[in-house]
N, C-alpha and C. Protein backbone atom coordinates (compact mmCIF):
# COMPACT_ATOMS: atom_id res chain seq x y z
N MET A 1 115.03 121.86 118.34
CA MET A 1 113.71 122.41 118.18
C MET A 1 113.25 123.18 119.41
N ALA A 2 113.71 122.77 120.59
CA ALA A 2 113.29 123.44 121.81
C ALA A 2 113.87 124.85 121.87
N ASN A 3 114.97 125.08 121.15
CA ASN A 3 115.62 126.40 121.19
C ASN A 3 115.20 127.29 120.03
N GLU A 4 114.13 126.92 119.33
CA GLU A 4 113.67 127.75 118.22
C GLU A 4 113.24 129.11 118.72
N LYS A 5 113.68 130.15 118.01
CA LYS A 5 113.28 131.50 118.37
C LYS A 5 111.95 131.82 117.72
N ARG A 6 111.03 132.27 118.51
CA ARG A 6 109.71 132.61 117.98
C ARG A 6 109.66 134.12 117.77
N GLY A 7 109.15 134.51 116.59
CA GLY A 7 109.06 135.92 116.27
C GLY A 7 107.83 136.56 116.88
N ASN A 8 107.84 137.84 116.85
CA ASN A 8 106.73 138.62 117.35
C ASN A 8 105.58 138.53 116.35
N PRO A 9 104.37 138.21 116.78
CA PRO A 9 103.23 138.14 115.85
C PRO A 9 103.00 139.46 115.12
N LEU A 10 103.28 140.57 115.78
CA LEU A 10 103.11 141.87 115.12
C LEU A 10 104.05 141.99 113.92
N ASP A 11 105.28 141.51 114.06
CA ASP A 11 106.22 141.54 112.94
C ASP A 11 105.70 140.71 111.78
N TYR A 12 105.10 139.59 112.09
CA TYR A 12 104.54 138.73 111.04
C TYR A 12 103.47 139.48 110.26
N PHE A 13 102.53 140.10 110.98
CA PHE A 13 101.44 140.79 110.29
C PHE A 13 101.92 142.03 109.55
N LYS A 14 102.96 142.68 110.04
CA LYS A 14 103.55 143.80 109.30
C LYS A 14 104.15 143.29 107.99
N GLY A 15 104.81 142.14 108.06
CA GLY A 15 105.37 141.54 106.85
C GLY A 15 104.29 141.16 105.86
N VAL A 16 103.18 140.64 106.36
CA VAL A 16 102.06 140.30 105.49
C VAL A 16 101.55 141.56 104.79
N GLY A 17 101.41 142.64 105.56
CA GLY A 17 100.96 143.91 104.97
C GLY A 17 101.91 144.40 103.88
N ARG A 18 103.22 144.30 104.13
CA ARG A 18 104.20 144.72 103.12
C ARG A 18 104.07 143.88 101.86
N GLU A 19 103.89 142.57 102.03
CA GLU A 19 103.77 141.70 100.86
C GLU A 19 102.49 141.99 100.08
N LEU A 20 101.40 142.28 100.79
CA LEU A 20 100.15 142.59 100.10
C LEU A 20 100.26 143.86 99.26
N LYS A 21 101.10 144.80 99.69
CA LYS A 21 101.30 146.02 98.91
C LYS A 21 102.08 145.73 97.63
N ARG A 22 102.88 144.67 97.65
CA ARG A 22 103.68 144.31 96.47
C ARG A 22 102.91 143.47 95.45
N VAL A 23 101.75 142.96 95.85
CA VAL A 23 100.96 142.11 94.97
C VAL A 23 100.44 142.92 93.79
N ARG A 24 100.51 142.35 92.62
CA ARG A 24 99.94 142.99 91.43
C ARG A 24 98.52 142.48 91.28
N TRP A 25 97.56 143.30 91.71
CA TRP A 25 96.16 142.91 91.70
C TRP A 25 95.62 143.00 90.28
N PRO A 26 94.68 142.13 89.90
CA PRO A 26 94.12 142.17 88.54
C PRO A 26 93.24 143.40 88.34
N SER A 27 93.14 143.81 87.08
CA SER A 27 92.26 144.93 86.77
C SER A 27 90.80 144.46 86.87
N ARG A 28 89.90 145.41 86.83
CA ARG A 28 88.48 145.07 86.93
C ARG A 28 88.05 144.16 85.78
N ASP A 29 88.53 144.44 84.57
CA ASP A 29 88.18 143.61 83.42
C ASP A 29 88.72 142.19 83.56
N GLN A 30 89.95 142.06 84.03
CA GLN A 30 90.53 140.73 84.24
C GLN A 30 89.75 139.97 85.31
N TYR A 31 89.39 140.69 86.37
CA TYR A 31 88.64 140.09 87.47
C TYR A 31 87.28 139.59 86.99
N LEU A 32 86.56 140.42 86.24
CA LEU A 32 85.22 140.05 85.77
C LEU A 32 85.27 138.89 84.78
N SER A 33 86.25 138.90 83.88
CA SER A 33 86.33 137.80 82.92
C SER A 33 86.70 136.49 83.62
N SER A 34 87.59 136.57 84.60
CA SER A 34 87.94 135.36 85.36
C SER A 34 86.74 134.85 86.14
N MET A 35 85.98 135.76 86.73
CA MET A 35 84.80 135.36 87.48
C MET A 35 83.77 134.71 86.57
N ALA A 36 83.62 135.22 85.36
CA ALA A 36 82.68 134.64 84.41
C ALA A 36 83.09 133.21 84.06
N VAL A 37 84.38 132.99 83.85
CA VAL A 37 84.87 131.65 83.53
C VAL A 37 84.60 130.70 84.68
N VAL A 38 84.86 131.14 85.90
CA VAL A 38 84.62 130.29 87.08
C VAL A 38 83.14 129.96 87.20
N LEU A 39 82.27 130.94 87.01
CA LEU A 39 80.83 130.71 87.12
C LEU A 39 80.34 129.72 86.05
N VAL A 40 80.80 129.88 84.82
CA VAL A 40 80.38 128.99 83.74
C VAL A 40 80.84 127.56 84.03
N ILE A 41 82.08 127.39 84.45
CA ILE A 41 82.59 126.05 84.75
C ILE A 41 81.83 125.44 85.92
N THR A 42 81.53 126.25 86.94
CA THR A 42 80.79 125.75 88.10
C THR A 42 79.39 125.30 87.70
N ILE A 43 78.72 126.09 86.88
CA ILE A 43 77.37 125.73 86.43
C ILE A 43 77.41 124.46 85.59
N LEU A 44 78.38 124.36 84.68
CA LEU A 44 78.50 123.16 83.86
C LEU A 44 78.79 121.92 84.71
N ALA A 45 79.68 122.06 85.68
CA ALA A 45 79.98 120.93 86.56
C ALA A 45 78.75 120.52 87.34
N GLY A 46 77.98 121.50 87.81
CA GLY A 46 76.74 121.19 88.53
C GLY A 46 75.74 120.45 87.66
N LEU A 47 75.60 120.90 86.42
CA LEU A 47 74.68 120.23 85.49
C LEU A 47 75.12 118.79 85.21
N ILE A 48 76.42 118.60 85.03
CA ILE A 48 76.94 117.25 84.78
C ILE A 48 76.66 116.36 85.98
N LEU A 49 76.85 116.87 87.19
CA LEU A 49 76.58 116.07 88.38
C LEU A 49 75.10 115.73 88.51
N VAL A 50 74.23 116.67 88.18
CA VAL A 50 72.79 116.40 88.22
C VAL A 50 72.43 115.31 87.22
N LEU A 51 72.97 115.40 86.01
CA LEU A 51 72.67 114.40 84.99
C LEU A 51 73.21 113.02 85.40
N GLU A 52 74.40 112.98 85.98
CA GLU A 52 74.94 111.70 86.45
C GLU A 52 74.08 111.13 87.56
N ASP A 53 73.60 111.98 88.44
CA ASP A 53 72.75 111.52 89.53
C ASP A 53 71.44 110.95 88.99
N LEU A 54 70.85 111.63 88.02
CA LEU A 54 69.61 111.12 87.42
C LEU A 54 69.83 109.80 86.70
N ALA A 55 70.95 109.70 85.99
CA ALA A 55 71.26 108.45 85.29
C ALA A 55 71.47 107.32 86.29
N GLY A 56 72.17 107.59 87.37
CA GLY A 56 72.39 106.56 88.39
C GLY A 56 71.08 106.15 89.05
N GLN A 57 70.23 107.12 89.33
CA GLN A 57 68.93 106.83 89.94
C GLN A 57 68.09 105.95 89.01
N THR A 58 68.08 106.28 87.73
CA THR A 58 67.33 105.49 86.75
C THR A 58 67.88 104.07 86.67
N LEU A 59 69.18 103.93 86.66
CA LEU A 59 69.81 102.61 86.60
C LEU A 59 69.44 101.78 87.82
N VAL A 60 69.50 102.38 89.01
CA VAL A 60 69.16 101.65 90.23
C VAL A 60 67.70 101.22 90.21
N GLU A 61 66.81 102.10 89.75
CA GLU A 61 65.39 101.74 89.68
C GLU A 61 65.16 100.59 88.70
N GLN A 62 65.84 100.63 87.55
CA GLN A 62 65.68 99.55 86.57
C GLN A 62 66.20 98.24 87.12
N LEU A 63 67.35 98.28 87.80
CA LEU A 63 67.88 97.06 88.40
C LEU A 63 66.96 96.53 89.49
N ARG A 64 66.40 97.43 90.29
CA ARG A 64 65.49 97.02 91.35
C ARG A 64 64.25 96.35 90.75
N ASN A 65 63.73 96.95 89.70
CA ASN A 65 62.55 96.38 89.04
C ASN A 65 62.87 95.04 88.39
N ALA A 66 64.05 94.92 87.81
CA ALA A 66 64.42 93.66 87.14
C ALA A 66 64.59 92.53 88.14
N PHE A 67 65.17 92.83 89.29
CA PHE A 67 65.42 91.77 90.27
C PHE A 67 64.25 91.57 91.25
N GLU A 68 63.28 92.45 91.18
CA GLU A 68 62.10 92.32 92.04
C GLU A 68 61.29 91.10 91.67
N SER A 69 61.30 90.75 90.41
CA SER A 69 60.53 89.60 89.96
C SER A 69 61.17 88.27 90.43
N LEU A 70 62.42 88.30 90.85
CA LEU A 70 63.10 87.09 91.30
C LEU A 70 62.72 86.70 92.73
N ARG A 71 62.05 87.58 93.44
CA ARG A 71 61.69 87.28 94.84
C ARG A 71 60.61 86.27 94.92
């Protein structure tokens, strides 16, 4: 490991540039439809988390009220 040859950082970034030119980028329509799917899923996940939080809060309040009378 001590004898590992380290490459030139410039060569690395040149290679990255070459690879980026080879990438098949999505069309505008593909990009927009994918973005719409991501946004819808994100919003739905957020709503589910909010509903779970409200349900948990309600459950904790009910348990607190039920056991408050035991004091």
